Protein backbone atom coordinates (compact mmCIF):
# COMPACT_ATOMS: atom_id res chain seq x y z
CA UNK A 1 0.10 0.07 -0.12
CA UNK A 2 1.14 3.43 -0.43
CA UNK A 3 1.98 5.91 2.45
CA UNK A 4 -1.54 7.57 2.01
CA UNK A 5 -3.16 4.11 2.17
CA UNK A 6 -1.22 3.53 5.57
CA UNK A 7 -2.59 6.81 6.86
CA UNK A 8 -6.16 6.28 5.99
CA UNK A 9 -6.15 2.58 7.26
CA UNK A 10 -8.59 -0.07 5.86
CA UNK A 11 -12.02 0.39 4.52
CA UNK A 12 -14.74 0.12 7.13
CA UNK A 13 -18.14 1.59 5.80
CA UNK A 14 -19.84 3.80 3.22
CA UNK A 15 -21.74 6.86 4.44
CA UNK A 16 -24.31 8.49 2.34
CA UNK A 17 -25.51 12.11 3.49
CA UNK A 18 -28.73 12.86 1.60
CA UNK A 19 -30.02 16.44 1.55
CA UNK A 20 -32.81 18.41 -0.02
CA UNK A 21 -31.09 18.71 -3.38
CA UNK A 22 -28.09 16.49 -3.35
CA UNK A 23 -26.23 13.64 -1.83
CA UNK A 24 -22.74 13.12 -0.47
CA UNK A 25 -20.96 9.96 -0.46
CA UNK A 26 -18.14 9.07 1.97
CA UNK A 27 -15.85 6.07 2.27
CA UNK A 28 -15.04 5.66 6.07
CA UNK A 29 -11.56 4.22 6.64
CA UNK A 30 -10.56 3.01 10.10
CA UNK A 31 -8.43 6.49 10.55
CA UNK A 32 -10.25 8.95 8.17
CA UNK A 33 -13.45 9.57 6.09
CA UNK A 34 -12.77 10.15 2.40
CA UNK A 35 -15.26 12.08 0.19
CA UNK A 36 -16.16 9.98 -2.88
CA UNK A 37 -18.65 11.88 -4.71
CA UNK A 38 -21.62 14.57 -4.70
CA UNK A 39 -24.61 13.92 -6.55
CA UNK A 40 -27.04 16.49 -7.42
CA UNK A 41 -30.72 16.23 -7.79
CA UNK A 42 -31.67 17.16 -11.42
CA UNK A 43 -35.04 18.79 -10.83
CA UNK A 44 -37.55 18.92 -7.71
CA UNK A 45 -38.10 16.57 -4.98
CA UNK A 46 -41.95 16.79 -5.68
CA UNK A 47 -41.18 15.32 -9.10
CA UNK A 48 -41.19 11.63 -8.61
CA UNK A 49 -39.19 10.92 -11.92
CA UNK A 50 -36.54 13.22 -10.76
CA UNK A 51 -36.38 11.68 -7.32
CA UNK A 52 -36.33 8.07 -8.84
CA UNK A 53 -33.34 9.15 -11.10
CA UNK A 54 -31.53 10.67 -8.11
CA UNK A 55 -31.73 7.61 -6.02
CA UNK A 56 -30.79 5.43 -8.95
CA UNK A 57 -27.86 7.53 -9.53
CA UNK A 58 -26.69 7.04 -5.91
CA UNK A 59 -27.14 3.35 -6.24
CA UNK A 60 -24.98 3.27 -9.56
CA UNK A 61 -22.27 5.05 -7.48
CA UNK A 62 -22.41 2.67 -4.69
CA UNK A 63 -22.01 -0.47 -6.89
CA UNK A 64 -18.18 0.31 -7.50
CA UNK A 65 -17.62 0.53 -3.67
CA UNK A 66 -19.71 -2.46 -2.81
CA UNK A 67 -17.63 -4.64 -5.47
CA UNK A 68 -14.66 -3.81 -3.17
CA UNK A 69 -16.39 -5.86 -0.57
CA UNK A 70 -17.59 -3.05 1.82
CA UNK A 71 -21.10 -3.86 2.81
CA UNK A 72 -21.91 -1.48 5.60
CA UNK A 73 -23.76 1.42 4.60
CA UNK A 74 -24.84 4.35 6.87
CA UNK A 75 -27.59 6.66 5.28
CA UNK A 76 -27.79 10.04 7.11
CA UNK A 77 -30.16 12.95 6.62
CA UNK A 78 -30.84 16.03 8.50
CA UNK A 79 -33.08 15.81 11.70
CA UNK A 80 -36.87 16.18 11.13
CA UNK A 81 -36.58 15.09 7.41
CA UNK A 82 -37.33 11.64 5.91
CA UNK A 83 -34.76 11.75 3.12
CA UNK A 84 -32.81 8.59 4.68
CA UNK A 85 -36.05 6.80 5.10
CA UNK A 86 -37.20 7.50 1.34
CA UNK A 87 -34.02 6.30 0.01
CA UNK A 88 -34.09 2.98 1.90
CA UNK A 89 -37.52 2.58 0.80
CA UNK A 90 -36.28 2.92 -2.78
CA UNK A 91 -33.67 0.28 -2.25
CA UNK A 92 -36.40 -2.23 -0.66
CA UNK A 93 -38.63 -1.60 -3.51
CA UNK A 94 -36.12 -1.44 -6.45
CA UNK A 95 -33.04 -2.98 -5.40
CA UNK A 96 -33.91 -5.66 -2.89
CA UNK A 97 -31.06 -7.74 -4.16
CA UNK A 98 -28.88 -5.65 -1.91
CA UNK A 99 -30.84 -7.08 1.08
CA UNK A 100 -30.77 -10.68 0.37
CA UNK A 101 -28.25 -13.51 0.04
CA UNK A 102 -25.09 -13.99 1.67
CA UNK A 103 -23.44 -10.93 -0.07
CA UNK A 104 -26.27 -8.63 1.09
CA UNK A 105 -25.42 -5.19 2.36
CA UNK A 106 -26.19 -3.89 5.95
CA UNK A 107 -27.94 -0.82 6.19
CA UNK A 108 -28.32 1.78 9.23
CA UNK A 109 -30.05 5.02 9.08
CA UNK A 110 -29.14 7.90 11.29
CA UNK A 111 -30.06 11.69 11.61
CA UNK A 112 -27.38 14.20 10.82
CA UNK A 113 -25.91 16.01 7.88
CA UNK A 114 -23.01 14.42 6.03
CA UNK A 115 -22.27 17.01 3.24
CA UNK A 116 -19.04 18.45 4.34
CA UNK A 117 -15.83 17.27 6.13
CA UNK A 118 -16.81 19.60 9.13
CA UNK A 119 -20.21 17.79 9.41
CA UNK A 120 -18.90 14.31 8.94
CA UNK A 121 -16.35 15.30 11.63
CA UNK A 122 -18.98 16.47 14.05
CA UNK A 123 -20.99 13.09 13.37
CA UNK A 124 -17.69 11.20 14.57
CA UNK A 125 -17.03 13.30 17.51
CA UNK A 126 -20.17 12.34 19.17
CA UNK A 127 -19.48 8.86 19.10
CA UNK A 128 -22.80 8.13 17.76
CA UNK A 129 -21.55 7.43 14.08
CA UNK A 130 -18.87 5.14 15.38
CA UNK A 131 -21.46 3.22 17.32
CA UNK A 132 -23.60 2.97 14.45
CA UNK A 133 -20.83 1.75 12.22
CA UNK A 134 -19.79 -0.84 14.88
CA UNK A 135 -23.24 -2.26 14.94
CA UNK A 136 -23.69 -2.28 11.16
CA UNK A 137 -20.35 -3.84 10.62
CA UNK A 138 -20.96 -6.54 13.22
CA UNK A 139 -24.08 -7.54 11.01
CA UNK A 140 -22.00 -7.59 8.12
CA UNK A 141 -19.39 -9.76 9.79
CA UNK A 142 -21.96 -12.46 10.68
CA UNK A 143 -22.98 -12.70 6.73
CA UNK A 144 -19.16 -13.19 6.14
CA UNK A 145 -18.82 -15.78 9.01
CA UNK A 146 -21.92 -17.48 7.21
CA UNK A 147 -20.00 -17.82 4.01
CA UNK A 148 -16.95 -18.78 5.63
CA UNK A 149 -18.46 -21.83 7.45
CA UNK A 150 -20.25 -22.90 4.36
CA UNK A 151 -17.18 -22.98 2.40
CA UNK A 152 -15.27 -24.81 5.24
CA UNK A 153 -17.98 -27.66 4.86
CA UNK A 154 -17.72 -28.00 1.15
CA UNK A 155 -15.78 -30.77 -0.47
CA UNK A 156 -13.65 -28.57 -2.47
CA UNK A 157 -10.84 -26.64 -1.04
CA UNK A 158 -12.25 -23.02 -0.86
CA UNK A 159 -10.51 -21.77 2.33
CA UNK A 160 -6.90 -20.90 2.27
CA UNK A 161 -5.11 -20.38 5.58
CA UNK A 162 -1.91 -18.33 6.41
CA UNK A 163 -0.19 -15.58 4.73
CA UNK A 164 1.63 -18.08 2.50
CA UNK A 165 -1.40 -19.70 1.02
CA UNK A 166 -3.11 -16.20 0.83
CA UNK A 167 -0.22 -15.01 -1.34
CA UNK A 168 -0.19 -18.01 -3.53
CA UNK A 169 -3.87 -18.09 -4.54
CA UNK A 170 -3.93 -14.14 -4.93
CA UNK A 171 -0.85 -13.66 -6.73
CA UNK A 172 -0.86 -16.68 -9.10
CA UNK A 173 -3.19 -17.26 -12.35
CA UNK A 174 -5.93 -19.35 -11.56
CA UNK A 175 -7.22 -21.34 -14.42
CA UNK A 176 -10.89 -21.57 -15.32
CA UNK A 177 -12.63 -24.29 -13.31
CA UNK A 178 -10.28 -23.87 -10.53
CA UNK A 179 -10.79 -22.11 -7.16
CA UNK A 180 -10.62 -18.30 -7.60
CA UNK A 181 -10.05 -15.85 -4.61
CA UNK A 182 -13.23 -13.79 -3.77
CA UNK A 183 -12.52 -12.61 -0.11
CA UNK A 184 -9.49 -11.86 1.76
CA UNK A 185 -10.32 -11.72 5.55
CA UNK A 186 -8.25 -10.71 8.52
CA UNK A 187 -8.64 -9.47 11.87
CA UNK A 188 -7.31 -6.29 13.29
CA UNK A 189 -5.39 -8.07 15.76
CA UNK A 190 -3.59 -9.82 13.10
CA UNK A 191 -2.82 -6.77 11.21
CA UNK A 192 -1.74 -4.90 14.32
CA UNK A 193 0.58 -7.80 15.44
CA UNK A 194 1.98 -9.21 12.26
CA UNK A 195 5.88 -8.64 11.99
CA UNK A 196 5.60 -8.62 8.21
CA UNK A 197 3.14 -5.55 7.82
CA UNK A 198 4.69 -4.50 4.43
CA UNK A 199 3.95 -7.95 3.06
CA UNK A 200 0.61 -7.99 4.31
CA UNK A 201 -0.47 -4.55 3.04
CA UNK A 202 1.10 -5.57 -0.41
CA UNK A 203 -1.18 -8.40 -0.31
CA UNK A 204 -4.25 -6.34 0.53
CA UNK A 205 -3.09 -3.93 -2.30
CA UNK A 206 -2.94 -6.46 -4.86
CA UNK A 207 -6.07 -8.30 -3.80
CA UNK A 208 -8.12 -5.13 -4.14
CA UNK A 209 -6.44 -4.48 -7.45
CA UNK A 210 -7.61 -8.03 -8.64
CA UNK A 211 -11.07 -7.54 -7.41
CA UNK A 212 -10.90 -9.76 -4.32
CA UNK A 213 -13.01 -8.26 -1.65
CA UNK A 214 -10.73 -7.39 1.39
CA UNK A 215 -12.23 -6.87 4.90
CA UNK A 216 -10.37 -6.22 8.27
CA UNK A 217 -12.61 -7.54 10.80
CA UNK A 218 -12.57 -6.47 14.53
CA UNK A 219 -11.11 -9.48 16.73
CA UNK A 220 -13.80 -9.06 19.41
CA UNK A 221 -16.71 -9.97 17.03
CA UNK A 222 -17.77 -13.53 16.46
CA UNK A 223 -16.48 -13.60 13.09
CA UNK A 224 -13.05 -12.00 14.21
CA UNK A 225 -12.96 -14.75 16.92
CA UNK A 226 -13.54 -17.52 14.29
CA UNK A 227 -10.80 -16.13 11.99
CA UNK A 228 -8.44 -15.66 14.74
CA UNK A 229 -8.87 -19.42 15.40
CA UNK A 230 -7.86 -20.05 12.02
CA UNK A 231 -4.76 -18.05 12.19
CA UNK A 232 -6.04 -14.42 11.87
CA UNK A 233 -6.01 -14.40 7.93
CA UNK A 234 -8.13 -16.48 5.40
CA UNK A 235 -8.81 -16.34 1.89
CA UNK A 236 -12.31 -17.40 0.72
CA UNK A 237 -12.54 -18.81 -2.88
CA UNK A 238 -15.09 -19.88 -5.20
CA UNK A 239 -15.30 -21.99 -8.46
CA UNK A 240 -15.34 -20.03 -11.82
C-alpha cells in the first residue's frame, strides 16, 4: 500500500449523506473519512421521476464501492426530514437484491448532515456514528462468517489459511474451473501484531487491485474470533 493508504487505514463502511437537493458519498476508513462523490438532484423533490433518477444515480455510484467488499452502509439525513427513509424505501422496492443472500449489504439510518468534512467530523466526534458503524459492521461480519462456515464444509478446497497460502492463490494465475479468490479476511489483531506488515499490506493492495473483496474484521466480534482461531487471515475462494 502507498503511504497515503497507511494513513487512512482500511475500509470500514460507506456513509451516504442525503440532503434536499444533493447526496454526498463518503468512504469511511479506520482512520479517516474520504469524500467519494457529490450527486445533485436534477429537478425538484416533488417530481417523482426526478427523485427516482436521483436515487438510481446514488445506487450506481455505490456499486463500485460494494464490489470492493464493503457492505456496511450508513444513510444520514438532517433531523426532522425523511430523506434517508425515502432512499431506503427505494432500495427495498427497486433493489431488494442488496438485502438478500450471503453477499447482502447491511444498512443503518441516522439523523444528521454529512455533506462536508466538518459535518462528518461532527458526527464522528459525538461517538454516535462510530457506534452505528460498529453495529452495522457487526451484522456484516456475521454474513461473512456464514460464508466462511459454508465453504469450510464444502468438498472442494475453498478456504486458504496463512499469509503464504493467501499470497499463492491471490498472486498466481488461476485457470478456469479452479478456485478463484473472492474474499481476503483478516482481523485487526492480526494486522496490528504481524511482523510482516509490508508484506500483508502488499497482499491487501494486490487483492483489491484484482477484485478480491478485502475486509479487516474486529477481533472481538464473533467472526473475528473465528478467523483468529484459523490463524487471523483467510482467503475464501469460489469455483469460476
